[in-house]
Structure formats: C-alpha cells, structure tokens
Amino acid sequence: MDAFKKGLNMAKDGVVAAAEKTKAGVGEAASKTKEGVLYVGNKTMEGVVTGVNTVSQKTNEQANIVADSAVAGANEVAQVTVEGVENAALASGFVRSTDLPKTDVGGQTDQDAQ
C-alpha cells in the first residue's frame, strides 16, 4: 500500500509540475502575443499616420495647382475683358486710341512698368 501511495504521490507531483509549466508556458505565450499585437498595432498606426500625411500633402499640392490655375484664368479673363471694353470704347468713338495706355505682350501698360 505504501508503494501504491508513493506512486500516486509521484504521479500527482508530476501532474502539478506539468500544470505549472503549462501555466507558465501559457502566460509566456500570452505575453508574447500581447507584445506582437501591440507591435502590429503601433506599426499600423504609424502607417495610417504616414498615409494621412501623404494624402494631406498631395491634397495641398493639388489645391495649390487649382488655385494657381484659377488665378491665371481670372487674369486672362480680366485682360480679355479690358481689351474688349477698350475695343468697344474705340469703336463707339467714346475714346481715342491715343487716350488708351499702350500694353506690351505681357499685359503690362506703360504706366505699370514705371
């Protein structure tokens, strides 16, 4: 009977030792999993921030291009409008061509250049 108890105690000790090792192994695995998830989360967040910054920069560049185009278009429209008004004033005899400022190719008048 003593041998039987001794054998059961040894088996019990073995099961307890295995359970403790399993518990430690599961704890370590959980810790490693947590570290991995946090790492992936941080990298994903960095990627999202980088992506947002890239999109923001590209949007800003596009807005600047559109604004520059709008200003250039408005300047062209204004120049053509002024020329149209000058032509209408000349055709109606309201003003003489000598009364109008002379414009060069760049759209500047003699008065603007001074």
PDB file of N, CA and C in Angstrom:
ATOM      1  N   MET A   1       0.803  -1.160   0.000  1.00  0.00           N
ATOM      2  CA  MET A   1       0.000   0.000   0.000  1.00  0.00           C
ATOM      3  C   MET A   1       0.865   1.250   0.000  1.00  0.00           C
ATOM      4  N   ASP A   2       1.940   1.235   0.723  1.00  0.00           N
ATOM      5  CA  ASP A   2       2.834   2.374   0.736  1.00  0.00           C
ATOM      6  C   ASP A   2       3.400   2.628  -0.657  1.00  0.00           C
ATOM      7  N   ALA A   3       3.710   1.595  -1.346  1.00  0.00           N
ATOM      8  CA  ALA A   3       4.248   1.742  -2.693  1.00  0.00           C
ATOM      9  C   ALA A   3       3.199   2.353  -3.604  1.00  0.00           C
ATOM     10  N   PHE A   4       1.963   1.941  -3.368  1.00  0.00           N
ATOM     11  CA  PHE A   4       0.871   2.467  -4.170  1.00  0.00           C
ATOM     12  C   PHE A   4       0.695   3.962  -3.902  1.00  0.00           C
ATOM     13  N   LYS A   5       0.690   4.392  -2.622  1.00  0.00           N
ATOM     14  CA  LYS A   5       0.570   5.801  -2.258  1.00  0.00           C
ATOM     15  C   LYS A   5       1.747   6.590  -2.797  1.00  0.00           C
ATOM     16  N   LYS A   6       2.930   5.997  -2.667  1.00  0.00           N
ATOM     17  CA  LYS A   6       4.126   6.682  -3.148  1.00  0.00           C
ATOM     18  C   LYS A   6       4.044   6.886  -4.656  1.00  0.00           C
ATOM     19  N   GLY A   7       3.564   5.908  -5.370  1.00  0.00           N
ATOM     20  CA  GLY A   7       3.418   6.025  -6.820  1.00  0.00           C
ATOM     21  C   GLY A   7       2.400   7.088  -7.197  1.00  0.00           C
ATOM     22  N   LEU A   8       1.272   7.125  -6.460  1.00  0.00           N
ATOM     23  CA  LEU A   8       0.247   8.149  -6.731  1.00  0.00           C
ATOM     24  C   LEU A   8       0.764   9.547  -6.407  1.00  0.00           C
ATOM     25  N   ASN A   9       1.502   9.674  -5.323  1.00  0.00           N
ATOM     26  CA  ASN A   9       2.081  10.970  -4.975  1.00  0.00           C
ATOM     27  C   ASN A   9       3.055  11.433  -6.057  1.00  0.00           C
ATOM     28  N   MET A  10       3.842  10.509  -6.565  1.00  0.00           N
ATOM     29  CA  MET A  10       4.796  10.857  -7.632  1.00  0.00           C
ATOM     30  C   MET A  10       4.039  11.300  -8.885  1.00  0.00           C
ATOM     31  N   ALA A  11       2.976  10.588  -9.187  1.00  0.00           N
ATOM     32  CA  ALA A  11       2.170  10.953 -10.354  1.00  0.00           C
ATOM     33  C   ALA A  11       1.527  12.321 -10.135  1.00  0.00           C
ATOM     34  N   LYS A  12       1.016  12.541  -8.906  1.00  0.00           N
ATOM     35  CA  LYS A  12       0.405  13.828  -8.572  1.00  0.00           C
ATOM     36  C   LYS A  12       1.430  14.943  -8.713  1.00  0.00           C
ATOM     37  N   ASP A  13       2.625  14.721  -8.182  1.00  0.00           N
ATOM     38  CA  ASP A  13       3.688  15.728  -8.296  1.00  0.00           C
ATOM     39  C   ASP A  13       4.017  16.002  -9.762  1.00  0.00           C
ATOM     40  N   GLY A  14       4.025  14.965 -10.559  1.00  0.00           N
ATOM     41  CA  GLY A  14       4.302  15.123 -11.986  1.00  0.00           C
ATOM     42  C   GLY A  14       3.226  15.945 -12.683  1.00  0.00           C
ATOM     43  N   VAL A  15       1.963  15.677 -12.326  1.00  0.00           N
ATOM     44  CA  VAL A  15       0.845  16.429 -12.912  1.00  0.00           C
ATOM     45  C   VAL A  15       0.921  17.880 -12.466  1.00  0.00           C
ATOM     46  N   VAL A  16       1.203  18.136 -11.190  1.00  0.00           N
ATOM     47  CA  VAL A  16       1.312  19.502 -10.678  1.00  0.00           C
ATOM     48  C   VAL A  16       2.449  20.232 -11.388  1.00  0.00           C
ATOM     49  N   ALA A  17       3.592  19.565 -11.525  1.00  0.00           N
ATOM     50  CA  ALA A  17       4.733  20.184 -12.207  1.00  0.00           C
ATOM     51  C   ALA A  17       4.383  20.499 -13.667  1.00  0.00           C
ATOM     52  N   ALA A  18       3.711  19.562 -14.326  1.00  0.00           N
ATOM     53  CA  ALA A  18       3.312  19.780 -15.721  1.00  0.00           C
ATOM     54  C   ALA A  18       2.323  20.930 -15.821  1.00  0.00           C
ATOM     55  N   ALA A  19       1.387  21.012 -14.866  1.00  0.00           N
ATOM     56  CA  ALA A  19       0.390  22.087 -14.874  1.00  0.00           C
ATOM     57  C   ALA A  19       1.064  23.439 -14.668  1.00  0.00           C
ATOM     58  N   GLU A  20       2.044  23.470 -13.746  1.00  0.00           N
ATOM     59  CA  GLU A  20       2.752  24.727 -13.504  1.00  0.00           C
ATOM     60  C   GLU A  20       3.539  25.152 -14.740  1.00  0.00           C
ATOM     61  N   LYS A  21       4.180  24.183 -15.382  1.00  0.00           N
ATOM     62  CA  LYS A  21       4.927  24.504 -16.597  1.00  0.00           C
ATOM     63  C   LYS A  21       3.971  24.945 -17.711  1.00  0.00           C
ATOM     64  N   THR A  22       2.836  24.283 -17.783  1.00  0.00           N
ATOM     65  CA  THR A  22       1.839  24.658 -18.791  1.00  0.00           C
ATOM     66  C   THR A  22       1.328  26.066 -18.521  1.00  0.00           C
ATOM     67  N   LYS A  23       1.053  26.351 -17.235  1.00  0.00           N
ATOM     68  CA  LYS A  23       0.575  27.672 -16.851  1.00  0.00           C
ATOM     69  C   LYS A  23       1.625  28.738 -17.211  1.00  0.00           C
ATOM     70  N   ALA A  24       2.869  28.443 -16.890  1.00  0.00           N
ATOM     71  CA  ALA A  24       3.946  29.378 -17.218  1.00  0.00           C
ATOM     72  C   ALA A  24       4.069  29.530 -18.736  1.00  0.00           C
ATOM     73  N   GLY A  25       3.944  28.423 -19.467  1.00  0.00           N
ATOM     74  CA  GLY A  25       4.027  28.467 -20.927  1.00  0.00           C
ATOM     75  C   GLY A  25       2.896  29.270 -21.537  1.00  0.00           C
ATOM     76  N   VAL A  26       1.688  29.082 -21.000  1.00  0.00           N
ATOM     77  CA  VAL A  26       0.535  29.837 -21.498  1.00  0.00           C
ATOM     78  C   VAL A  26       0.702  31.318 -21.170  1.00  0.00           C
ATOM     79  N   GLY A  27       1.187  31.607 -19.976  1.00  0.00           N
ATOM     80  CA  GLY A  27       1.424  33.008 -19.595  1.00  0.00           C
ATOM     81  C   GLY A  27       2.452  33.661 -20.497  1.00  0.00           C
ATOM     82  N   GLU A  28       3.530  32.931 -20.773  1.00  0.00           N
ATOM     83  CA  GLU A  28       4.564  33.467 -21.668  1.00  0.00           C
ATOM     84  C   GLU A  28       4.015  33.649 -23.079  1.00  0.00           C
ATOM     85  N   ALA A  29       3.241  32.687 -23.538  1.00  0.00           N
ATOM     86  CA  ALA A  29       2.642  32.794 -24.872  1.00  0.00           C
ATOM     87  C   ALA A  29       1.691  33.987 -24.937  1.00  0.00           C
ATOM     88  N   ALA A  30       0.927  34.195 -23.877  1.00  0.00           N
ATOM     89  CA  ALA A  30       0.012  35.339 -23.847  1.00  0.00           C
ATOM     90  C   ALA A  30       0.783  36.645 -23.867  1.00  0.00           C
ATOM     91  N   SER A  31       1.879  36.674 -23.110  1.00  0.00           N
ATOM     92  CA  SER A  31       2.711  37.880 -23.083  1.00  0.00           C
ATOM     93  C   SER A  31       3.295  38.176 -24.465  1.00  0.00           C
ATOM     94  N   LYS A  32       3.814  37.125 -25.117  1.00  0.00           N
ATOM     95  CA  LYS A  32       4.386  37.293 -26.471  1.00  0.00           C
ATOM     96  C   LYS A  32       3.300  37.722 -27.464  1.00  0.00           C
ATOM     97  N   THR A  33       2.116  37.141 -27.327  1.00  0.00           N
ATOM     98  CA  THR A  33       1.009  37.503 -28.210  1.00  0.00           C
ATOM     99  C   THR A  33       0.640  38.969 -28.013  1.00  0.00           C
ATOM    100  N   LYS A  34       0.573  39.399 -26.756  1.00  0.00           N
ATOM    101  CA  LYS A  34       0.255  40.798 -26.460  1.00  0.00           C
ATOM    102  C   LYS A  34       1.301  41.719 -27.073  1.00  0.00           C
ATOM    103  N   GLU A  35       2.591  41.371 -26.905  1.00  0.00           N
ATOM    104  CA  GLU A  35       3.662  42.179 -27.494  1.00  0.00           C
ATOM    105  C   GLU A  35       3.521  42.250 -29.011  1.00  0.00           C
ATOM    106  N   GLY A  36       3.204  41.121 -29.617  1.00  0.00           N
ATOM    107  CA  GLY A  36       3.041  41.079 -31.072  1.00  0.00           C
ATOM    108  C   GLY A  36       1.883  41.926 -31.541  1.00  0.00           C
ATOM    109  N   VAL A  37       0.774  41.835 -30.824  1.00  0.00           N
ATOM    110  CA  VAL A  37      -0.406  42.630 -31.191  1.00  0.00           C
ATOM    111  C   VAL A  37      -0.114  44.120 -31.034  1.00  0.00           C
ATOM    112  N   LEU A  38       0.535  44.492 -29.946  1.00  0.00           N
ATOM    113  CA  LEU A  38       0.882  45.899 -29.739  1.00  0.00           C
ATOM    114  C   LEU A  38       1.843  46.394 -30.820  1.00  0.00           C
ATOM    115  N   TYR A  39       2.803  45.564 -31.190  1.00  0.00           N
ATOM    116  CA  TYR A  39       3.755  45.932 -32.243  1.00  0.00           C
ATOM    117  C   TYR A  39       3.029  46.165 -33.565  1.00  0.00           C
ATOM    118  N   VAL A  40       2.170  45.216 -33.913  1.00  0.00           N
ATOM    119  CA  VAL A  40       1.413  45.348 -35.168  1.00  0.00           C
ATOM    120  C   VAL A  40       0.517  46.584 -35.101  1.00  0.00           C
ATOM    121  N   GLY A  41      -0.112  46.801 -33.961  1.00  0.00           N
ATOM    122  CA  GLY A  41      -0.971  47.978 -33.799  1.00  0.00           C
ATOM    123  C   GLY A  41      -0.202  49.267 -33.964  1.00  0.00           C
ATOM    124  N   ASN A  42       0.991  49.337 -33.367  1.00  0.00           N
ATOM    125  CA  ASN A  42       1.811  50.543 -33.494  1.00  0.00           C
ATOM    126  C   ASN A  42       2.247  50.760 -34.931  1.00  0.00           C
ATOM    127  N   LYS A  43       2.668  49.688 -35.586  1.00  0.00           N
ATOM    128  CA  LYS A  43       3.103  49.811 -36.979  1.00  0.00           C
ATOM    129  C   LYS A  43       1.936  50.221 -37.876  1.00  0.00           C
ATOM    130  N   THR A  44       0.771  49.662 -37.605  1.00  0.00           N
ATOM    131  CA  THR A  44      -0.415  50.025 -38.385  1.00  0.00           C
ATOM    132  C   THR A  44      -0.754  51.496 -38.159  1.00  0.00           C
ATOM    133  N   MET A  45      -0.684  51.941 -36.900  1.00  0.00           N
ATOM    134  CA  MET A  45      -0.977  53.335 -36.590  1.00  0.00           C
ATOM    135  C   MET A  45       0.024  54.250 -37.286  1.00  0.00           C
ATOM    136  N   GLU A  46       1.316  53.885 -37.253  1.00  0.00           N
ATOM    137  CA  GLU A  46       2.331  54.685 -37.942  1.00  0.00           C
ATOM    138  C   GLU A  46       2.049  54.744 -39.437  1.00  0.00           C
ATOM    139  N   GLY A  47       1.634  53.611 -39.978  1.00  0.00           N
ATOM    140  CA  GLY A  47       1.307  53.566 -41.405  1.00  0.00           C
ATOM    141  C   GLY A  47       0.116  54.444 -41.734  1.00  0.00           C
ATOM    142  N   VAL A  48      -0.883  54.429 -40.860  1.00  0.00           N
ATOM    143  CA  VAL A  48      -2.063  55.267 -41.088  1.00  0.00           C
ATOM    144  C   VAL A  48      -1.681  56.738 -40.998  1.00  0.00           C
ATOM    145  N   VAL A  49      -0.879  57.095 -40.003  1.00  0.00           N
ATOM    146  CA  VAL A  49      -0.445  58.486 -39.862  1.00  0.00           C
ATOM    147  C   VAL A  49       0.351  58.909 -41.090  1.00  0.00           C
ATOM    148  N   THR A  50       1.262  58.052 -41.545  1.00  0.00           N
ATOM    149  CA  THR A  50       2.042  58.363 -42.735  1.00  0.00           C
ATOM    150  C   THR A  50       1.140  58.512 -43.947  1.00  0.00           C
ATOM    151  N   GLY A  51       0.176  57.604 -44.067  1.00  0.00           N
ATOM    152  CA  GLY A  51      -0.766  57.680 -45.187  1.00  0.00           C
ATOM    153  C   GLY A  51      -1.594  58.951 -45.155  1.00  0.00           C
ATOM    154  N   VAL A  52      -2.061  59.323 -43.970  1.00  0.00           N
ATOM    155  CA  VAL A  52      -2.855  60.546 -43.834  1.00  0.00           C
ATOM    156  C   VAL A  52      -2.001  61.762 -44.183  1.00  0.00           C
ATOM    157  N   ASN A  53      -0.750  61.783 -43.707  1.00  0.00           N
ATOM    158  CA  ASN A  53       0.137  62.902 -44.027  1.00  0.00           C
ATOM    159  C   ASN A  53       0.397  62.986 -45.519  1.00  0.00           C
ATOM    160  N   THR A  54       0.593  61.842 -46.170  1.00  0.00           N
ATOM    161  CA  THR A  54       0.836  61.824 -47.615  1.00  0.00           C
ATOM    162  C   THR A  54      -0.383  62.350 -48.364  1.00  0.00           C
ATOM    163  N   VAL A  55      -1.555  61.875 -47.990  1.00  0.00           N
ATOM    164  CA  VAL A  55      -2.784  62.337 -48.646  1.00  0.00           C
ATOM    165  C   VAL A  55      -2.972  63.831 -48.417  1.00  0.00           C
ATOM    166  N   SER A  56      -2.713  64.282 -47.204  1.00  0.00           N
ATOM    167  CA  SER A  56      -2.850  65.702 -46.893  1.00  0.00           C
ATOM    168  C   SER A  56      -1.897  66.542 -47.732  1.00  0.00           C
ATOM    169  N   GLN A  57      -0.656  66.084 -47.862  1.00  0.00           N
ATOM    170  CA  GLN A  57       0.329  66.815 -48.654  1.00  0.00           C
ATOM    171  C   GLN A  57      -0.085  66.856 -50.122  1.00  0.00           C
ATOM    172  N   LYS A  58      -0.522  65.731 -50.660  1.00  0.00           N
ATOM    173  CA  LYS A  58      -0.946  65.683 -52.063  1.00  0.00           C
ATOM    174  C   LYS A  58      -2.169  66.579 -52.287  1.00  0.00           C
ATOM    175  N   THR A  59      -3.100  66.568 -51.340  1.00  0.00           N
ATOM    176  CA  THR A  59      -4.283  67.414 -51.453  1.00  0.00           C
ATOM    177  C   THR A  59      -3.891  68.881 -51.452  1.00  0.00           C
ATOM    178  N   ASN A  60      -2.959  69.223 -50.580  1.00  0.00           N
ATOM    179  CA  ASN A  60      -2.476  70.604 -50.516  1.00  0.00           C
ATOM    180  C   ASN A  60      -1.815  71.007 -51.831  1.00  0.00           C
ATOM    181  N   GLU A  61      -0.999  70.114 -52.388  1.00  0.00           N
ATOM    182  CA  GLU A  61      -0.350  70.391 -53.670  1.00  0.00           C
ATOM    183  C   GLU A  61      -1.393  70.595 -54.766  1.00  0.00           C
ATOM    184  N   GLN A  62      -2.402  69.723 -54.792  1.00  0.00           N
ATOM    185  CA  GLN A  62      -3.455  69.841 -55.811  1.00  0.00           C
ATOM    186  C   GLN A  62      -4.238  71.135 -55.628  1.00  0.00           C
ATOM    187  N   ALA A  63      -4.518  71.502 -54.385  1.00  0.00           N
ATOM    188  CA  ALA A  63      -5.242  72.753 -54.128  1.00  0.00           C
ATOM    189  C   ALA A  63      -4.430  73.945 -54.616  1.00  0.00           C
ATOM    190  N   ASN A  64      -3.110  73.891 -54.405  1.00  0.00           N
ATOM    191  CA  ASN A  64      -2.255  74.986 -54.886  1.00  0.00           C
ATOM    192  C   ASN A  64      -2.265  75.060 -56.403  1.00  0.00           C
ATOM    193  N   ILE A  65      -2.247  73.908 -57.062  1.00  0.00           N
ATOM    194  CA  ILE A  65      -2.284  73.886 -58.531  1.00  0.00           C
ATOM    195  C   ILE A  65      -3.601  74.470 -59.024  1.00  0.00           C
ATOM    196  N   VAL A  66      -4.708  74.047 -58.399  1.00  0.00           N
ATOM    197  CA  VAL A  66      -6.022  74.564 -58.798  1.00  0.00           C
ATOM    198  C   VAL A  66      -6.095  76.071 -58.553  1.00  0.00           C
ATOM    199  N   ALA A  67      -5.592  76.521 -57.409  1.00  0.00           N
ATOM    200  CA  ALA A  67      -5.624  77.954 -57.101  1.00  0.00           C
ATOM    201  C   ALA A  67      -4.782  78.740 -58.103  1.00  0.00           C
ATOM    202  N   ASP A  68      -3.595  78.236 -58.419  1.00  0.00           N
ATOM    203  CA  ASP A  68      -2.748  78.913 -59.400  1.00  0.00           C
ATOM    204  C   ASP A  68      -3.431  78.977 -60.759  1.00  0.00           C
ATOM    205  N   SER A  69      -4.087  77.883 -61.141  1.00  0.00           N
ATOM    206  CA  SER A  69      -4.804  77.856 -62.415  1.00  0.00           C
ATOM    207  C   SER A  69      -5.969  78.844 -62.406  1.00  0.00           C
ATOM    208  N   ALA A  70      -6.675  78.911 -61.281  1.00  0.00           N
ATOM    209  CA  ALA A  70      -7.807  79.828 -61.177  1.00  0.00           C
ATOM    210  C   ALA A  70      -7.341  81.269 -61.274  1.00  0.00           C
ATOM    211  N   VAL A  71      -6.227  81.587 -60.619  1.00  0.00           N
ATOM    212  CA  VAL A  71      -5.690  82.953 -60.681  1.00  0.00           C
ATOM    213  C   VAL A  71      -5.257  83.278 -62.104  1.00  0.00           C
ATOM    214  N   ALA A  72      -4.573  82.336 -62.742  1.00  0.00           N
ATOM    215  CA  ALA A  72      -4.133  82.566 -64.122  1.00  0.00           C
ATOM    216  C   ALA A  72      -5.341  82.748 -65.038  1.00  0.00           C
ATOM    217  N   GLY A  73      -6.362  81.915 -64.851  1.00  0.00           N
ATOM    218  CA  GLY A  73      -7.575  82.034 -65.665  1.00  0.00           C
ATOM    219  C   GLY A  73      -8.275  83.358 -65.417  1.00  0.00           C
ATOM    220  N   ALA A  74      -8.359  83.769 -64.169  1.00  0.00           N
ATOM    221  CA  ALA A  74      -9.002  85.045 -63.848  1.00  0.00           C
ATOM    222  C   ALA A  74      -8.230  86.200 -64.459  1.00  0.00           C
ATOM    223  N   ASN A  75      -6.911  86.128 -64.433  1.00  0.00           N
ATOM    224  CA  ASN A  75      -6.098  87.184 -65.044  1.00  0.00           C
ATOM    225  C   ASN A  75      -6.328  87.252 -66.543  1.00  0.00           C
ATOM    226  N   GLU A  76      -6.417  86.084 -67.182  1.00  0.00           N
ATOM    227  CA  GLU A  76      -6.667  86.061 -68.629  1.00  0.00           C
ATOM    228  C   GLU A  76      -8.040  86.640 -68.946  1.00  0.00           C
ATOM    229  N   VAL A  77      -9.045  86.243 -68.155  1.00  0.00           N
ATOM    230  CA  VAL A  77     -10.400  86.769 -68.376  1.00  0.00           C
ATOM    231  C   VAL A  77     -10.412  88.274 -68.180  1.00  0.00           C
ATOM    232  N   ALA A  78      -9.746  88.743 -67.134  1.00  0.00           N
ATOM    233  CA  ALA A  78      -9.702  90.191 -66.876  1.00  0.00           C
ATOM    234  C   ALA A  78      -9.020  90.927 -68.021  1.00  0.00           C
ATOM    235  N   GLN A  79      -7.933  90.372 -68.524  1.00  0.00           N
ATOM    236  CA  GLN A  79      -7.212  91.013 -69.623  1.00  0.00           C
ATOM    237  C   GLN A  79      -8.078  91.076 -70.879  1.00  0.00           C
ATOM    238  N   VAL A  80      -8.734  89.973 -71.193  1.00  0.00           N
ATOM    239  CA  VAL A  80      -9.598  89.936 -72.380  1.00  0.00           C
ATOM    240  C   VAL A  80     -10.769  90.898 -72.195  1.00  0.00           C
ATOM    241  N   THR A  81     -11.308  90.983 -70.979  1.00  0.00           N
ATOM    242  CA  THR A  81     -12.418  91.906 -70.709  1.00  0.00           C
ATOM    243  C   THR A  81     -11.976  93.348 -70.915  1.00  0.00           C
ATOM    244  N   VAL A  82     -10.814  93.676 -70.388  1.00  0.00           N
ATOM    245  CA  VAL A  82     -10.289  95.038 -70.557  1.00  0.00           C
ATOM    246  C   VAL A  82     -10.095  95.335 -72.035  1.00  0.00           C
ATOM    247  N   GLU A  83      -9.523  94.397 -72.763  1.00  0.00           N
ATOM    248  CA  GLU A  83      -9.312  94.604 -74.200  1.00  0.00           C
ATOM    249  C   GLU A  83     -10.651  94.783 -74.915  1.00  0.00           C
ATOM    250  N   GLY A  84     -11.656  93.986 -74.519  1.00  0.00           N
ATOM    251  CA  GLY A  84     -12.990  94.115 -75.124  1.00  0.00           C
ATOM    252  C   GLY A  84     -13.606  95.468 -74.849  1.00  0.00           C
ATOM    253  N   VAL A  85     -13.477  95.945 -73.613  1.00  0.00           N
ATOM    254  CA  VAL A  85     -14.012  97.266 -73.260  1.00  0.00           C
ATOM    255  C   VAL A  85     -13.274  98.350 -74.038  1.00  0.00           C
ATOM    256  N   GLU A  86     -11.962  98.215 -74.145  1.00  0.00           N
ATOM    257  CA  GLU A  86     -11.183  99.196 -74.913  1.00  0.00           C
ATOM    258  C   GLU A  86     -11.641  99.216 -76.368  1.00  0.00           C
ATOM    259  N   ASN A  87     -11.823  98.031 -76.947  1.00  0.00           N
ATOM    260  CA  ASN A  87     -12.255  97.956 -78.346  1.00  0.00           C
ATOM    261  C   ASN A  87     -13.648  98.563 -78.521  1.00  0.00           C
ATOM    262  N   ALA A  88     -14.542  98.285 -77.567  1.00  0.00           N
ATOM    263  CA  ALA A  88     -15.892  98.851 -77.657  1.00  0.00           C
ATOM    264  C   ALA A  88     -15.844 100.363 -77.523  1.00  0.00           C
ATOM    265  N   ALA A  89     -15.012 100.859 -76.616  1.00  0.00           N
ATOM    266  CA  ALA A  89     -14.901 102.315 -76.430  1.00  0.00           C
ATOM    267  C   ALA A  89     -14.316 102.969 -77.679  1.00  0.00           C
ATOM    268  N   LEU A  90     -13.344 102.300 -78.293  1.00  0.00           N
ATOM    269  CA  LEU A  90     -12.756 102.839 -79.529  1.00  0.00           C
ATOM    270  C   LEU A  90     -13.774 102.825 -80.663  1.00  0.00           C
ATOM    271  N   ALA A  91     -14.480 101.709 -80.796  1.00  0.00           N
ATOM    272  CA  ALA A  91     -15.446 101.567 -81.893  1.00  0.00           C
ATOM    273  C   ALA A  91     -16.590 102.555 -81.759  1.00  0.00           C
ATOM    274  N   SER A  92     -16.978 102.860 -80.558  1.00  0.00           N
ATOM    275  CA  SER A  92     -18.084 103.798 -80.367  1.00  0.00           C
ATOM    276  C   SER A  92     -17.630 105.244 -80.473  1.00  0.00           C
ATOM    277  N   GLY A  93     -16.335 105.463 -80.487  1.00  0.00           N
ATOM    278  CA  GLY A  93     -15.817 106.821 -80.560  1.00  0.00           C
ATOM    279  C   GLY A  93     -15.796 107.501 -79.206  1.00  0.00           C
ATOM    280  N   PHE A  94     -16.052 106.742 -78.164  1.00  0.00           N
ATOM    281  CA  PHE A  94     -16.075 107.291 -76.810  1.00  0.00           C
ATOM    282  C   PHE A  94     -14.686 107.767 -76.386  1.00  0.00           C
ATOM    283  N   VAL A  95     -13.643 107.029 -76.817  1.00  0.00           N
ATOM    284  CA  VAL A  95     -12.247 107.410 -76.545  1.00  0.00           C
ATOM    285  C   VAL A  95     -11.443 107.289 -77.828  1.00  0.00           C
ATOM    286  N   ARG A  96     -10.308 107.929 -77.827  1.00  0.00           N
ATOM    287  CA  ARG A  96      -9.392 107.831 -78.976  1.00  0.00           C
ATOM    288  C   ARG A  96      -8.288 106.842 -78.614  1.00  0.00           C
ATOM    289  N   SER A  97      -7.693 106.238 -79.618  1.00  0.00           N
ATOM    290  CA  SER A  97      -6.635 105.266 -79.358  1.00  0.00           C
ATOM    291  C   SER A  97      -5.445 105.901 -78.666  1.00  0.00           C
ATOM    292  N   THR A  98      -5.240 107.168 -78.844  1.00  0.00           N
ATOM    293  CA  THR A  98      -4.120 107.842 -78.170  1.00  0.00           C
ATOM    294  C   THR A  98      -4.404 108.040 -76.690  1.00  0.00           C
ATOM    295  N   ASP A  99      -5.683 107.966 -76.308  1.00  0.00           N
ATOM    296  CA  ASP A  99      -6.038 108.120 -74.892  1.00  0.00           C
ATOM    297  C   ASP A  99      -5.792 106.842 -74.082  1.00  0.00           C
ATOM    298  N   LEU A 100      -5.744 105.698 -74.775  1.00  0.00           N
ATOM    299  CA  LEU A 100      -5.566 104.419 -74.081  1.00  0.00           C
ATOM    300  C   LEU A 100      -4.092 104.164 -73.785  1.00  0.00           C
ATOM    301  N   PRO A 101      -3.774 103.566 -72.605  1.00  0.00           N
ATOM    302  CA  PRO A 101      -2.375 103.216 -72.335  1.00  0.00           C
ATOM    303  C   PRO A 101      -1.965 102.068 -73.254  1.00  0.00           C
ATOM    304  N   LYS A 102      -0.732 102.093 -73.689  1.00  0.00           N
ATOM    305  CA  LYS A 102      -0.235 101.032 -74.563  1.00  0.00           C
ATOM    306  C   LYS A 102       0.165  99.842 -73.708  1.00  0.00           C
ATOM    307  N   THR A 103      -0.237  98.630 -74.167  1.00  0.00           N
ATOM    308  CA  THR A 103       0.109  97.410 -73.434  1.00  0.00           C
ATOM    309  C   THR A 103       1.117  96.629 -74.240  1.00  0.00           C
ATOM    310  N   ASP A 104       2.070  95.998 -73.514  1.00  0.00           N
ATOM    311  CA  ASP A 104       3.043  95.142 -74.191  1.00  0.00           C
ATOM    312  C   ASP A 104       2.526  93.716 -74.208  1.00  0.00           C
ATOM    313  N   VAL A 105       3.367  92.765 -74.636  1.00  0.00           N
ATOM    314  CA  VAL A 105       2.959  91.370 -74.780  1.00  0.00           C
ATOM    315  C   VAL A 105       2.588  90.752 -73.428  1.00  0.00           C
ATOM    316  N   GLY A 106       3.243  91.133 -72.339  1.00  0.00           N
ATOM    317  CA  GLY A 106       2.978  90.563 -71.023  1.00  0.00           C
ATOM    318  C   GLY A 106       1.745  91.121 -70.365  1.00  0.00           C
ATOM    319  N   GLY A 107       1.059  92.099 -71.000  1.00  0.00           N
ATOM    320  CA  GLY A 107      -0.142  92.649 -70.420  1.00  0.00           C
ATOM    321  C   GLY A 107       0.110  93.862 -69.561  1.00  0.00           C
ATOM    322  N   GLN A 108       1.385  94.306 -69.445  1.00  0.00           N
ATOM    323  CA  GLN A 108       1.688  95.488 -68.647  1.00  0.00           C
ATOM    324  C   GLN A 108       1.509  96.746 -69.491  1.00  0.00           C
ATOM    325  N   THR A 109       1.019  97.781 -68.866  1.00  0.00           N
ATOM    326  CA  THR A 109       0.891  99.061 -69.558  1.00  0.00           C
ATOM    327  C   THR A 109       2.167  99.861 -69.329  1.00  0.00           C
ATOM    328  N   ASP A 110       2.290 100.943 -70.088  1.00  0.00           N
ATOM    329  CA  ASP A 110       3.449 101.822 -69.895  1.00  0.00           C
ATOM    330  C   ASP A 110       3.422 102.394 -68.481  1.00  0.00           C
ATOM    331  N   GLN A 111       2.237 102.658 -67.953  1.00  0.00           N
ATOM    332  CA  GLN A 111       2.112 103.199 -66.607  1.00  0.00           C
ATOM    333  C   GLN A 111       2.528 102.162 -65.564  1.00  0.00           C
ATOM    334  N   ASP A 112       2.167 100.865 -65.766  1.00  0.00           N
ATOM    335  CA  ASP A 112       2.524  99.812 -64.812  1.00  0.00           C
ATOM    336  C   ASP A 112       4.031  99.607 -64.751  1.00  0.00           C
ATOM    337  N   ALA A 113       4.704  99.719 -65.871  1.00  0.00           N
ATOM    338  CA  ALA A 113       6.136  99.466 -65.932  1.00  0.00           C
ATOM    339  C   ALA A 113       6.922 100.512 -65.163  1.00  0.00           C
ATOM    340  N   GLN A 114       6.346 101.717 -65.016  1.00  0.00           N
ATOM    341  CA  GLN A 114       7.057 102.788 -64.309  1.00  0.00           C
ATOM    342  C   GLN A 114       6.867 102.615 -62.868  1.00  0.00           C
TER     343      GLN A 114
END
